[in-house]
Amino acid sequence: MPEEHRKTYEEFSKFVNKGILKKELLLIYEDALVKAETLLSIFNKEKWKRGHFTYKKLPQANKEPATESLENASKFFKIIYNILKMNKA
């Protein structure tokens, strides 16, 4: 967990422990934090692959990373879609 997220989480936890905020809010924050970290991880991996595989000329050399990129894009889309759908309701 990045330092700034850890500090935010710790401060948020203090409010919950003191009874100022409900634990439900902390659980929502935890869930959002896990999703954000997953998405950032996918983004960083895709960014690296784009730079690394862009210049390979053989299509078969790019098939495996391209397949993984499509799977990651699908996962990313589903998570974002569900977040937007929940916030719209």
Protein backbone atom coordinates (compact mmCIF):
# COMPACT_ATOMS: atom_id res chain seq x y z
CA MET A 1 0.00 0.00 0.00
CA PRO A 2 1.45 3.40 -0.94
CA GLU A 3 2.46 5.56 2.02
CA GLU A 4 -0.20 8.24 1.43
CA HIS A 5 -2.97 5.61 1.31
CA ARG A 6 -1.68 3.91 4.45
CA LYS A 7 -1.67 7.22 6.36
CA THR A 8 -5.17 8.07 5.15
CA TYR A 9 -6.38 4.62 6.15
CA GLU A 10 -4.82 4.92 9.62
CA GLU A 11 -6.45 8.30 10.21
CA PHE A 12 -9.78 7.04 8.91
CA SER A 13 -9.51 4.07 11.30
CA LYS A 14 -9.01 6.43 14.24
CA PHE A 15 -12.37 8.09 13.51
CA VAL A 16 -14.04 4.69 13.35
CA ASN A 17 -12.37 3.49 16.56
CA LYS A 18 -13.52 6.65 18.37
CA GLY A 19 -17.08 6.08 17.15
CA ILE A 20 -17.14 9.27 15.09
CA LEU A 21 -17.70 7.33 11.85
CA LYS A 22 -19.41 4.03 11.29
CA LYS A 23 -17.30 0.96 10.54
CA GLU A 24 -19.31 0.49 7.34
CA LEU A 25 -17.59 3.56 5.87
CA LEU A 26 -14.18 2.08 6.63
CA LEU A 27 -15.19 -1.17 4.90
CA ILE A 28 -16.32 0.79 1.84
CA TYR A 29 -13.00 2.66 1.87
CA GLU A 30 -11.06 -0.62 2.18
CA ASP A 31 -12.95 -2.09 -0.77
CA ALA A 32 -12.31 0.99 -2.91
CA LEU A 33 -8.64 0.97 -1.91
CA VAL A 34 -8.20 -2.68 -2.96
CA LYS A 35 -9.92 -2.00 -6.29
CA ALA A 36 -7.81 1.11 -6.91
CA GLU A 37 -4.58 -0.74 -6.17
CA THR A 38 -5.62 -3.56 -8.51
CA LEU A 39 -6.41 -1.11 -11.29
CA LEU A 40 -3.14 0.78 -10.80
CA SER A 41 -1.22 -2.47 -10.90
CA ILE A 42 -2.91 -3.43 -14.17
CA PHE A 43 -2.25 0.06 -15.57
CA ASN A 44 1.45 -0.05 -14.70
CA LYS A 45 1.85 -3.51 -16.20
CA GLU A 46 0.08 -2.46 -19.41
CA LYS A 47 2.20 0.70 -19.63
CA TRP A 48 5.37 -1.39 -19.40
CA LYS A 49 4.12 -3.88 -21.99
CA ARG A 50 3.20 -1.10 -24.42
CA GLY A 51 6.73 0.25 -24.38
CA HIS A 52 8.32 -3.18 -24.39
CA PHE A 53 6.31 -4.91 -27.11
CA THR A 54 5.45 -2.01 -29.43
CA TYR A 55 8.58 -2.49 -31.50
CA LYS A 56 8.47 -6.26 -31.92
CA LYS A 57 7.61 -7.06 -35.54
CA LEU A 58 6.44 -10.67 -35.37
CA PRO A 59 2.71 -10.98 -34.59
CA GLN A 60 3.21 -14.25 -32.71
CA ALA A 61 5.68 -12.49 -30.39
CA ASN A 62 2.90 -10.10 -29.37
CA LYS A 63 0.04 -12.62 -29.09
CA GLU A 64 0.52 -13.58 -25.43
CA PRO A 65 0.90 -10.01 -24.07
CA ALA A 66 -1.96 -8.86 -26.32
CA THR A 67 -4.24 -11.57 -24.95
CA GLU A 68 -3.34 -10.61 -21.41
CA SER A 69 -3.94 -6.95 -22.23
CA LEU A 70 -7.42 -7.75 -23.52
CA GLU A 71 -8.20 -9.70 -20.34
CA ASN A 72 -6.93 -6.81 -18.21
CA ALA A 73 -8.95 -4.29 -20.22
CA SER A 74 -12.06 -6.39 -19.69
CA LYS A 75 -11.40 -6.63 -15.94
CA PHE A 76 -10.73 -2.88 -15.75
CA PHE A 77 -13.95 -2.09 -17.64
CA LYS A 78 -16.08 -4.36 -15.43
CA ILE A 79 -14.74 -2.82 -12.21
CA ILE A 80 -15.22 0.77 -13.43
CA TYR A 81 -18.67 -0.06 -14.83
CA ASN A 82 -19.79 -1.55 -11.50
CA ILE A 83 -18.45 1.44 -9.57
CA LEU A 84 -20.32 3.86 -11.84
CA LYS A 85 -23.46 1.73 -11.72
CA MET A 86 -23.39 1.70 -7.88
CA ASN A 87 -22.88 5.48 -7.71
CA LYS A 88 -25.72 6.12 -10.14
CA ALA A 89 -28.26 4.20 -8.06
